[in-house]
């Protein structure tokens, strides 16, 4: 793992960055929620470092990079959220306050072991979402605005890179199978529910000026997007139920490795990673 800080110009990023507007707007809902989940993750992992880092230098070093990566993700998504608010999606603010409060209750009321299990569940599920977005969504990212699309592709590439860190942290804190499964189940429900609520808020604003026929067509597109993702990720997420599940055993594909190299550059080219990978025009240097 390394710390990357791509030079995205999010002040100029478009809100509808995909040629499939509903795809961009659905993932913009995730962007609205992401920083506050990242703050929660870092708070939990910082406590793990304090409790376990001195006795496990390798885990401590991994957690330090994980926290730095997540801090960067939050920084960029907060900046992009400002673009969303300025574009008329200020209704997100109240929902974000609700979700932040939910995470605070989780942090305050549940044990460290359960909170780390939640973090591991989120990160484990994100491993499969990362592979889905990078490997299966070329039609949605092709020809996209580079700033908006690259923000998501950089983020999910790093999610894949640090896929095993929270899992290892959980094993250091607890390792109990049923605690892990409880955290996985709750994280899977809560994160998806949070993303769906944010996406609905954005899409409701977007559809306000549409005709009924246009709204119906938009809802069908979103349903197809969610159905396609569920068909890909849900069977894979079931592997988390295996008592011997080890996310480190999930190997990166050549395309994920290319994405990590692409976003490690001092200056990210002003082309979407998907287009660069398809043409191979920028990946050899």
C-alpha atoms as a PDB file:
ATOM      1  CA  UNK A   1       0.000   0.000   0.000  1.00  0.00           C
ATOM      2  CA  UNK A   2       1.085   3.559  -0.684  1.00  0.00           C
ATOM      3  CA  UNK A   3      -0.467   6.976  -0.085  1.00  0.00           C
ATOM      4  CA  UNK A   4      -1.671   8.657  -3.273  1.00  0.00           C
ATOM      5  CA  UNK A   5      -2.957  12.214  -3.671  1.00  0.00           C
ATOM      6  CA  UNK A   6      -4.135  12.602  -7.271  1.00  0.00           C
ATOM      7  CA  UNK A   7      -4.408  16.126  -8.626  1.00  0.00           C
ATOM      8  CA  UNK A   8      -8.141  16.097  -9.344  1.00  0.00           C
ATOM      9  CA  UNK A   9      -9.698  19.458 -10.136  1.00  0.00           C
ATOM     10  CA  UNK A  10     -13.013  18.791  -8.416  1.00  0.00           C
ATOM     11  CA  UNK A  11     -13.999  22.454  -8.529  1.00  0.00           C
ATOM     12  CA  UNK A  12     -14.468  21.940 -12.265  1.00  0.00           C
ATOM     13  CA  UNK A  13     -15.983  18.443 -12.064  1.00  0.00           C
ATOM     14  CA  UNK A  14     -19.421  17.944 -13.539  1.00  0.00           C
ATOM     15  CA  UNK A  15     -22.233  16.453 -11.483  1.00  0.00           C
ATOM     16  CA  UNK A  16     -23.527  14.235 -14.283  1.00  0.00           C
ATOM     17  CA  UNK A  17     -20.078  12.877 -15.179  1.00  0.00           C
ATOM     18  CA  UNK A  18     -21.236   9.654 -16.879  1.00  0.00           C
ATOM     19  CA  UNK A  19     -22.980   9.305 -20.217  1.00  0.00           C
ATOM     20  CA  UNK A  20     -25.553   7.361 -18.162  1.00  0.00           C
ATOM     21  CA  UNK A  21     -26.857  10.141 -15.879  1.00  0.00           C
ATOM     22  CA  UNK A  22     -28.487   7.785 -13.373  1.00  0.00           C
ATOM     23  CA  UNK A  23     -25.206   5.908 -12.911  1.00  0.00           C
ATOM     24  CA  UNK A  24     -23.387   9.131 -12.018  1.00  0.00           C
ATOM     25  CA  UNK A  25     -26.174  10.358  -9.769  1.00  0.00           C
ATOM     26  CA  UNK A  26     -26.502   7.048  -7.929  1.00  0.00           C
ATOM     27  CA  UNK A  27     -22.771   7.008  -7.161  1.00  0.00           C
ATOM     28  CA  UNK A  28     -22.894  10.688  -6.246  1.00  0.00           C
ATOM     29  CA  UNK A  29     -25.195   9.525  -3.458  1.00  0.00           C
ATOM     30  CA  UNK A  30     -22.395   7.265  -2.263  1.00  0.00           C
ATOM     31  CA  UNK A  31     -19.993  10.217  -2.477  1.00  0.00           C
ATOM     32  CA  UNK A  32     -22.235  12.245  -0.191  1.00  0.00           C
ATOM     33  CA  UNK A  33     -22.072   9.568   2.520  1.00  0.00           C
ATOM     34  CA  UNK A  34     -18.500   8.369   2.069  1.00  0.00           C
ATOM     35  CA  UNK A  35     -16.578  11.058   4.015  1.00  0.00           C
ATOM     36  CA  UNK A  36     -18.553  10.424   7.182  1.00  0.00           C
ATOM     37  CA  UNK A  37     -18.063   6.668   6.940  1.00  0.00           C
ATOM     38  CA  UNK A  38     -14.335   7.335   6.428  1.00  0.00           C
ATOM     39  CA  UNK A  39     -14.212   9.520   9.555  1.00  0.00           C
ATOM     40  CA  UNK A  40     -15.874   6.697  11.488  1.00  0.00           C
ATOM     41  CA  UNK A  41     -13.472   4.080  10.087  1.00  0.00           C
ATOM     42  CA  UNK A  42     -10.465   6.171  11.018  1.00  0.00           C
ATOM     43  CA  UNK A  43     -11.778   6.784  14.515  1.00  0.00           C
ATOM     44  CA  UNK A  44     -12.200   3.039  15.082  1.00  0.00           C
ATOM     45  CA  UNK A  45      -8.869   2.093  13.511  1.00  0.00           C
ATOM     46  CA  UNK A  46      -7.060   4.749  15.545  1.00  0.00           C
ATOM     47  CA  UNK A  47      -8.330   3.057  18.693  1.00  0.00           C
ATOM     48  CA  UNK A  48      -7.111  -0.291  17.376  1.00  0.00           C
ATOM     49  CA  UNK A  49      -3.664   1.232  16.800  1.00  0.00           C
ATOM     50  CA  UNK A  50      -3.569   2.452  20.378  1.00  0.00           C
ATOM     51  CA  UNK A  51      -4.694  -0.897  21.755  1.00  0.00           C
ATOM     52  CA  UNK A  52      -2.742  -3.264  19.510  1.00  0.00           C
ATOM     53  CA  UNK A  53      -0.161  -1.320  17.511  1.00  0.00           C
ATOM     54  CA  UNK A  54       2.719  -1.520  19.963  1.00  0.00           C
ATOM     55  CA  UNK A  55       2.493  -5.306  20.077  1.00  0.00           C
ATOM     56  CA  UNK A  56       2.080  -5.755  16.316  1.00  0.00           C
ATOM     57  CA  UNK A  57       4.338  -3.376  14.337  1.00  0.00           C
ATOM     58  CA  UNK A  58       3.227  -4.806  10.963  1.00  0.00           C
ATOM     59  CA  UNK A  59      -0.447  -4.169  11.715  1.00  0.00           C
ATOM     60  CA  UNK A  60       0.408  -0.736  13.094  1.00  0.00           C
ATOM     61  CA  UNK A  61       2.183   0.209   9.854  1.00  0.00           C
ATOM     62  CA  UNK A  62      -0.722  -1.055   7.737  1.00  0.00           C
ATOM     63  CA  UNK A  63      -3.219   0.872   9.831  1.00  0.00           C
ATOM     64  CA  UNK A  64      -1.181   4.063   9.496  1.00  0.00           C
ATOM     65  CA  UNK A  65      -1.343   3.866   5.686  1.00  0.00           C
ATOM     66  CA  UNK A  66      -4.994   2.808   5.755  1.00  0.00           C
ATOM     67  CA  UNK A  67      -5.895   5.833   7.881  1.00  0.00           C
ATOM     68  CA  UNK A  68      -3.952   8.156   5.558  1.00  0.00           C
ATOM     69  CA  UNK A  69      -5.676   6.727   2.487  1.00  0.00           C
ATOM     70  CA  UNK A  70      -9.101   7.064   4.074  1.00  0.00           C
ATOM     71  CA  UNK A  71      -8.312  10.616   5.174  1.00  0.00           C
ATOM     72  CA  UNK A  72      -7.497  11.471   1.558  1.00  0.00           C
ATOM     73  CA  UNK A  73     -10.699   9.826   0.323  1.00  0.00           C
ATOM     74  CA  UNK A  74     -12.733  11.886   2.768  1.00  0.00           C
ATOM     75  CA  UNK A  75     -10.935  15.107   1.779  1.00  0.00           C
ATOM     76  CA  UNK A  76     -11.712  14.674  -1.917  1.00  0.00           C
ATOM     77  CA  UNK A  77     -15.302  13.559  -1.386  1.00  0.00           C
ATOM     78  CA  UNK A  78     -16.002  16.515   0.912  1.00  0.00           C
ATOM     79  CA  UNK A  79     -14.741  18.785  -1.878  1.00  0.00           C
ATOM     80  CA  UNK A  80     -16.947  17.019  -4.403  1.00  0.00           C
ATOM     81  CA  UNK A  81     -19.920  17.239  -2.051  1.00  0.00           C
ATOM     82  CA  UNK A  82     -19.570  21.007  -2.193  1.00  0.00           C
ATOM     83  CA  UNK A  83     -20.081  20.726  -5.944  1.00  0.00           C
ATOM     84  CA  UNK A  84     -23.256  18.735  -5.277  1.00  0.00           C
ATOM     85  CA  UNK A  85     -24.589  21.313  -2.824  1.00  0.00           C
ATOM     86  CA  UNK A  86     -23.808  24.167  -5.231  1.00  0.00           C
ATOM     87  CA  UNK A  87     -25.598  22.265  -7.999  1.00  0.00           C
ATOM     88  CA  UNK A  88     -28.851  22.219  -6.046  1.00  0.00           C
ATOM     89  CA  UNK A  89     -28.577  19.074  -3.951  1.00  0.00           C
ATOM     90  CA  UNK A  90     -28.444  20.794  -0.584  1.00  0.00           C
ATOM     91  CA  UNK A  91     -31.193  18.462   0.670  1.00  0.00           C
ATOM     92  CA  UNK A  92     -28.394  15.954   1.247  1.00  0.00           C
ATOM     93  CA  UNK A  93     -27.177  17.878   4.285  1.00  0.00           C
ATOM     94  CA  UNK A  94     -30.000  16.777   6.564  1.00  0.00           C
ATOM     95  CA  UNK A  95     -29.612  13.141   5.540  1.00  0.00           C
ATOM     96  CA  UNK A  96     -25.865  13.277   6.165  1.00  0.00           C
ATOM     97  CA  UNK A  97     -26.529  14.579   9.668  1.00  0.00           C
ATOM     98  CA  UNK A  98     -28.850  11.602  10.252  1.00  0.00           C
ATOM     99  CA  UNK A  99     -26.316   9.060   9.002  1.00  0.00           C
ATOM    100  CA  UNK A 100     -23.514  10.674  11.014  1.00  0.00           C
ATOM    101  CA  UNK A 101     -25.694  10.402  14.119  1.00  0.00           C
ATOM    102  CA  UNK A 102     -26.331   6.715  13.366  1.00  0.00           C
ATOM    103  CA  UNK A 103     -22.594   6.061  13.167  1.00  0.00           C
ATOM    104  CA  UNK A 104     -22.036   7.963  16.413  1.00  0.00           C
ATOM    105  CA  UNK A 105     -24.599   5.787  18.201  1.00  0.00           C
ATOM    106  CA  UNK A 106     -22.879   2.691  16.829  1.00  0.00           C
ATOM    107  CA  UNK A 107     -19.513   3.954  18.039  1.00  0.00           C
ATOM    108  CA  UNK A 108     -20.775   4.976  21.473  1.00  0.00           C
ATOM    109  CA  UNK A 109     -23.111   2.084  22.253  1.00  0.00           C
ATOM    110  CA  UNK A 110     -21.393  -0.975  20.799  1.00  0.00           C
ATOM    111  CA  UNK A 111     -18.122  -2.659  21.738  1.00  0.00           C
ATOM    112  CA  UNK A 112     -14.829  -2.000  19.996  1.00  0.00           C
ATOM    113  CA  UNK A 113     -14.986  -5.559  18.630  1.00  0.00           C
ATOM    114  CA  UNK A 114     -18.386  -4.951  17.010  1.00  0.00           C
ATOM    115  CA  UNK A 115     -17.257  -1.617  15.564  1.00  0.00           C
ATOM    116  CA  UNK A 116     -14.156  -3.228  14.073  1.00  0.00           C
ATOM    117  CA  UNK A 117     -16.367  -6.017  12.699  1.00  0.00           C
ATOM    118  CA  UNK A 118     -18.556  -3.344  11.053  1.00  0.00           C
ATOM    119  CA  UNK A 119     -15.430  -1.772   9.523  1.00  0.00           C
ATOM    120  CA  UNK A 120     -14.220  -5.158   8.291  1.00  0.00           C
ATOM    121  CA  UNK A 121     -17.647  -5.944   6.844  1.00  0.00           C
ATOM    122  CA  UNK A 122     -17.767  -2.642   4.994  1.00  0.00           C
ATOM    123  CA  UNK A 123     -14.246  -3.029   3.636  1.00  0.00           C
ATOM    124  CA  UNK A 124     -14.765  -6.685   2.687  1.00  0.00           C
ATOM    125  CA  UNK A 125     -17.935  -5.859   0.745  1.00  0.00           C
ATOM    126  CA  UNK A 126     -16.153  -2.893  -0.853  1.00  0.00           C
ATOM    127  CA  UNK A 127     -13.555  -5.325  -2.209  1.00  0.00           C
ATOM    128  CA  UNK A 128     -16.174  -6.898  -4.453  1.00  0.00           C
ATOM    129  CA  UNK A 129     -17.757  -3.559  -5.335  1.00  0.00           C
ATOM    130  CA  UNK A 130     -14.302  -2.331  -6.372  1.00  0.00           C
ATOM    131  CA  UNK A 131     -13.800  -5.227  -8.745  1.00  0.00           C
ATOM    132  CA  UNK A 132     -17.304  -4.709 -10.124  1.00  0.00           C
ATOM    133  CA  UNK A 133     -16.833  -0.999 -10.838  1.00  0.00           C
ATOM    134  CA  UNK A 134     -13.356  -1.346 -12.336  1.00  0.00           C
ATOM    135  CA  UNK A 135     -13.954  -4.544 -14.304  1.00  0.00           C
ATOM    136  CA  UNK A 136     -17.652  -4.509 -15.231  1.00  0.00           C
ATOM    137  CA  UNK A 137     -18.693  -0.878 -15.756  1.00  0.00           C
ATOM    138  CA  UNK A 138     -16.691   0.291 -18.765  1.00  0.00           C
ATOM    139  CA  UNK A 139     -19.845   1.362 -20.599  1.00  0.00           C
ATOM    140  CA  UNK A 140     -20.721   3.679 -17.691  1.00  0.00           C
ATOM    141  CA  UNK A 141     -17.219   5.155 -17.337  1.00  0.00           C
ATOM    142  CA  UNK A 142     -16.240   5.338 -21.032  1.00  0.00           C
ATOM    143  CA  UNK A 143     -16.162   8.906 -22.294  1.00  0.00           C
ATOM    144  CA  UNK A 144     -16.907  10.213 -18.799  1.00  0.00           C
ATOM    145  CA  UNK A 145     -15.775  13.499 -17.326  1.00  0.00           C
ATOM    146  CA  UNK A 146     -12.301  12.605 -15.983  1.00  0.00           C
ATOM    147  CA  UNK A 147     -12.554  14.426 -12.645  1.00  0.00           C
ATOM    148  CA  UNK A 148     -15.818  12.836 -11.588  1.00  0.00           C
ATOM    149  CA  UNK A 149     -15.165   9.330 -12.897  1.00  0.00           C
ATOM    150  CA  UNK A 150     -11.546   9.203 -11.755  1.00  0.00           C
ATOM    151  CA  UNK A 151     -12.535  10.221  -8.230  1.00  0.00           C
ATOM    152  CA  UNK A 152     -14.568   7.034  -7.896  1.00  0.00           C
ATOM    153  CA  UNK A 153     -12.137   4.755  -9.736  1.00  0.00           C
ATOM    154  CA  UNK A 154      -9.153   5.955  -7.667  1.00  0.00           C
ATOM    155  CA  UNK A 155     -11.131   5.471  -4.480  1.00  0.00           C
ATOM    156  CA  UNK A 156     -12.292   1.945  -5.256  1.00  0.00           C
ATOM    157  CA  UNK A 157      -8.833   0.906  -6.490  1.00  0.00           C
ATOM    158  CA  UNK A 158      -7.432   1.848  -3.080  1.00  0.00           C
ATOM    159  CA  UNK A 159     -10.351   0.107  -1.384  1.00  0.00           C
ATOM    160  CA  UNK A 160      -9.200  -3.068  -3.102  1.00  0.00           C
ATOM    161  CA  UNK A 161      -5.579  -2.391  -2.173  1.00  0.00           C
ATOM    162  CA  UNK A 162      -6.299  -2.168   1.557  1.00  0.00           C
ATOM    163  CA  UNK A 163      -8.939  -4.914   1.503  1.00  0.00           C
ATOM    164  CA  UNK A 164      -7.413  -6.978   4.323  1.00  0.00           C
ATOM    165  CA  UNK A 165      -6.444  -4.277   6.847  1.00  0.00           C
ATOM    166  CA  UNK A 166      -9.711  -4.049   8.825  1.00  0.00           C
ATOM    167  CA  UNK A 167     -10.076  -7.830   8.683  1.00  0.00           C
ATOM    168  CA  UNK A 168      -6.637  -8.186  10.277  1.00  0.00           C
ATOM    169  CA  UNK A 169      -7.535  -5.499  12.820  1.00  0.00           C
ATOM    170  CA  UNK A 170     -10.646  -7.457  13.765  1.00  0.00           C
ATOM    171  CA  UNK A 171      -8.620 -10.626  14.265  1.00  0.00           C
ATOM    172  CA  UNK A 172      -6.243  -8.687  16.513  1.00  0.00           C
ATOM    173  CA  UNK A 173      -9.108  -7.282  18.609  1.00  0.00           C
ATOM    174  CA  UNK A 174     -11.460 -10.260  18.722  1.00  0.00           C
ATOM    175  CA  UNK A 175     -11.400 -12.851  15.957  1.00  0.00           C
ATOM    176  CA  UNK A 176     -14.749 -14.285  17.096  1.00  0.00           C
ATOM    177  CA  UNK A 177     -16.674 -15.621  14.127  1.00  0.00           C
ATOM    178  CA  UNK A 178     -20.192 -14.674  15.232  1.00  0.00           C
ATOM    179  CA  UNK A 179     -19.107 -11.147  16.181  1.00  0.00           C
ATOM    180  CA  UNK A 180     -17.576 -10.735  12.719  1.00  0.00           C
ATOM    181  CA  UNK A 181     -20.713 -12.038  10.999  1.00  0.00           C
ATOM    182  CA  UNK A 182     -22.953  -9.732  13.063  1.00  0.00           C
ATOM    183  CA  UNK A 183     -20.774  -6.767  12.093  1.00  0.00           C
ATOM    184  CA  UNK A 184     -20.697  -7.844   8.436  1.00  0.00           C
ATOM    185  CA  UNK A 185     -24.481  -8.183   8.297  1.00  0.00           C
ATOM    186  CA  UNK A 186     -25.132  -4.838   9.967  1.00  0.00           C
ATOM    187  CA  UNK A 187     -22.526  -3.025   7.866  1.00  0.00           C
ATOM    188  CA  UNK A 188     -23.880  -4.513   4.632  1.00  0.00           C
ATOM    189  CA  UNK A 189     -27.409  -3.367   5.493  1.00  0.00           C
ATOM    190  CA  UNK A 190     -26.498   0.032   6.920  1.00  0.00           C
ATOM    191  CA  UNK A 191     -24.081   1.126   4.212  1.00  0.00           C
ATOM    192  CA  UNK A 192     -26.367   0.077   1.368  1.00  0.00           C
ATOM    193  CA  UNK A 193     -29.341   1.700   3.105  1.00  0.00           C
ATOM    194  CA  UNK A 194     -27.316   4.904   3.542  1.00  0.00           C
ATOM    195  CA  UNK A 195     -26.183   4.957  -0.094  1.00  0.00           C
ATOM    196  CA  UNK A 196     -29.738   4.286  -1.283  1.00  0.00           C
ATOM    197  CA  UNK A 197     -31.166   7.090   0.863  1.00  0.00           C
ATOM    198  CA  UNK A 198     -28.596   9.554  -0.469  1.00  0.00           C
ATOM    199  CA  UNK A 199     -29.094   8.444  -4.068  1.00  0.00           C
ATOM    200  CA  UNK A 200     -32.863   8.796  -3.713  1.00  0.00           C
ATOM    201  CA  UNK A 201     -32.429  12.328  -2.357  1.00  0.00           C
ATOM    202  CA  UNK A 202     -30.327  13.294  -5.379  1.00  0.00           C
ATOM    203  CA  UNK A 203     -32.543  11.542  -7.906  1.00  0.00           C
ATOM    204  CA  UNK A 204     -35.723  13.064  -6.442  1.00  0.00           C
ATOM    205  CA  UNK A 205     -34.263  16.531  -6.985  1.00  0.00           C
ATOM    206  CA  UNK A 206     -33.140  15.599 -10.487  1.00  0.00           C
ATOM    207  CA  UNK A 207     -36.553  14.189 -11.417  1.00  0.00           C
ATOM    208  CA  UNK A 208     -38.547  17.123 -10.090  1.00  0.00           C
ATOM    209  CA  UNK A 209     -38.509  18.814 -13.484  1.00  0.00           C
ATOM    210  CA  UNK A 210     -39.219  15.649 -15.492  1.00  0.00           C
ATOM    211  CA  UNK A 211     -42.446  14.458 -17.009  1.00  0.00           C
ATOM    212  CA  UNK A 212     -44.020  11.347 -15.505  1.00  0.00           C
ATOM    213  CA  UNK A 213     -42.790   9.288 -18.471  1.00  0.00           C
ATOM    214  CA  UNK A 214     -39.258  10.592 -17.957  1.00  0.00           C
ATOM    215  CA  UNK A 215     -39.407   9.813 -14.242  1.00  0.00           C
ATOM    216  CA  UNK A 216     -40.594   6.281 -14.983  1.00  0.00           C
ATOM    217  CA  UNK A 217     -37.758   5.756 -17.471  1.00  0.00           C
ATOM    218  CA  UNK A 218     -35.228   7.106 -14.953  1.00  0.00           C
ATOM    219  CA  UNK A 219     -36.485   4.749 -12.236  1.00  0.00           C
ATOM    220  CA  UNK A 220     -36.147   1.805 -14.629  1.00  0.00           C
ATOM    221  CA  UNK A 221     -32.536   2.723 -15.381  1.00  0.00           C
ATOM    222  CA  UNK A 222     -31.666   2.959 -11.677  1.00  0.00           C
ATOM    223  CA  UNK A 223     -33.380  -0.364 -10.986  1.00  0.00           C
ATOM    224  CA  UNK A 224     -31.321  -1.969 -13.752  1.00  0.00           C
ATOM    225  CA  UNK A 225     -28.096  -0.453 -12.363  1.00  0.00           C
ATOM    226  CA  UNK A 226     -28.812  -1.784  -8.869  1.00  0.00           C
ATOM    227  CA  UNK A 227     -29.926  -5.172 -10.172  1.00  0.00           C
ATOM    228  CA  UNK A 228     -26.770  -5.597 -12.259  1.00  0.00           C
ATOM    229  CA  UNK A 229     -24.554  -4.710  -9.322  1.00  0.00           C
ATOM    230  CA  UNK A 230     -26.455  -7.026  -6.973  1.00  0.00           C
ATOM    231  CA  UNK A 231     -26.177  -9.968  -9.386  1.00  0.00           C
ATOM    232  CA  UNK A 232     -22.416  -9.452  -9.515  1.00  0.00           C
ATOM    233  CA  UNK A 233     -21.595  -8.684  -5.895  1.00  0.00           C
ATOM    234  CA  UNK A 234     -24.122 -10.549  -3.741  1.00  0.00           C
ATOM    235  CA  UNK A 235     -22.959 -14.107  -4.536  1.00  0.00           C
ATOM    236  CA  UNK A 236     -19.381 -13.016  -3.840  1.00  0.00           C
ATOM    237  CA  UNK A 237     -20.307 -11.297  -0.589  1.00  0.00           C
ATOM    238  CA  UNK A 238     -21.659 -14.644   0.610  1.00  0.00           C
ATOM    239  CA  UNK A 239     -18.032 -15.820   0.814  1.00  0.00           C
ATOM    240  CA  UNK A 240     -17.709 -13.586   3.897  1.00  0.00           C
ATOM    241  CA  UNK A 241     -19.738 -16.212   5.776  1.00  0.00           C
ATOM    242  CA  UNK A 242     -16.867 -18.674   5.440  1.00  0.00           C
ATOM    243  CA  UNK A 243     -15.106 -18.968   8.851  1.00  0.00           C
ATOM    244  CA  UNK A 244     -11.774 -19.040   7.003  1.00  0.00           C
ATOM    245  CA  UNK A 245     -12.516 -16.070   4.754  1.00  0.00           C
ATOM    246  CA  UNK A 246      -9.315 -14.138   4.038  1.00  0.00           C
ATOM    247  CA  UNK A 247      -9.581 -11.029   1.834  1.00  0.00           C
ATOM    248  CA  UNK A 248      -5.808 -11.078   1.246  1.00  0.00           C
ATOM    249  CA  UNK A 249      -6.346 -14.221  -0.839  1.00  0.00           C
ATOM    250  CA  UNK A 250      -8.385 -12.221  -3.406  1.00  0.00           C
ATOM    251  CA  UNK A 251      -5.779 -11.283  -5.972  1.00  0.00           C
ATOM    252  CA  UNK A 252      -5.767  -7.993  -7.895  1.00  0.00           C
ATOM    253  CA  UNK A 253      -6.531  -8.224 -11.587  1.00  0.00           C
ATOM    254  CA  UNK A 254      -4.235  -6.588 -14.171  1.00  0.00           C
ATOM    255  CA  UNK A 255      -6.787  -3.804 -14.576  1.00  0.00           C
ATOM    256  CA  UNK A 256      -6.834  -3.039 -10.843  1.00  0.00           C
ATOM    257  CA  UNK A 257      -3.029  -3.024 -10.782  1.00  0.00           C
ATOM    258  CA  UNK A 258      -3.093  -0.637 -13.756  1.00  0.00           C
ATOM    259  CA  UNK A 259      -5.531   1.651 -11.917  1.00  0.00           C
ATOM    260  CA  UNK A 260      -3.306   1.766  -8.834  1.00  0.00           C
ATOM    261  CA  UNK A 261      -0.303   2.666 -11.002  1.00  0.00           C
ATOM    262  CA  UNK A 262      -2.315   5.242 -12.971  1.00  0.00           C
ATOM    263  CA  UNK A 263      -3.415   7.107  -9.844  1.00  0.00           C
ATOM    264  CA  UNK A 264       0.036   6.952  -8.246  1.00  0.00           C
ATOM    265  CA  UNK A 265       1.399   9.414 -10.792  1.00  0.00           C
ATOM    266  CA  UNK A 266       2.383  12.882  -9.649  1.00  0.00           C
ATOM    267  CA  UNK A 267       0.009  14.269 -12.269  1.00  0.00           C
ATOM    268  CA  UNK A 268      -2.970  12.181 -13.295  1.00  0.00           C
ATOM    269  CA  UNK A 269      -3.538  12.674 -17.046  1.00  0.00           C
ATOM    270  CA  UNK A 270      -6.680  14.547 -17.978  1.00  0.00           C
ATOM    271  CA  UNK A 271      -8.363  11.435 -19.298  1.00  0.00           C
ATOM    272  CA  UNK A 272     -10.563   8.959 -17.507  1.00  0.00           C
ATOM    273  CA  UNK A 273      -8.769   5.826 -16.382  1.00  0.00           C
ATOM    274  CA  UNK A 274     -11.300   3.688 -18.258  1.00  0.00           C
ATOM    275  CA  UNK A 275     -10.540   5.435 -21.569  1.00  0.00           C
ATOM    276  CA  UNK A 276      -6.803   5.329 -20.911  1.00  0.00           C
ATOM    277  CA  UNK A 277      -6.924   1.620 -20.166  1.00  0.00           C
ATOM    278  CA  UNK A 278      -9.016   0.903 -23.252  1.00  0.00           C
ATOM    279  CA  UNK A 279      -6.581   2.730 -25.542  1.00  0.00           C
ATOM    280  CA  UNK A 280      -3.432   1.826 -23.550  1.00  0.00           C
ATOM    281  CA  UNK A 281      -2.320   5.351 -24.481  1.00  0.00           C
ATOM    282  CA  UNK A 282      -1.243   6.407 -20.989  1.00  0.00           C
ATOM    283  CA  UNK A 283      -0.427   3.273 -19.069  1.00  0.00           C
ATOM    284  CA  UNK A 284       2.986   2.353 -20.372  1.00  0.00           C
ATOM    285  CA  UNK A 285       4.918   5.418 -19.199  1.00  0.00           C
END
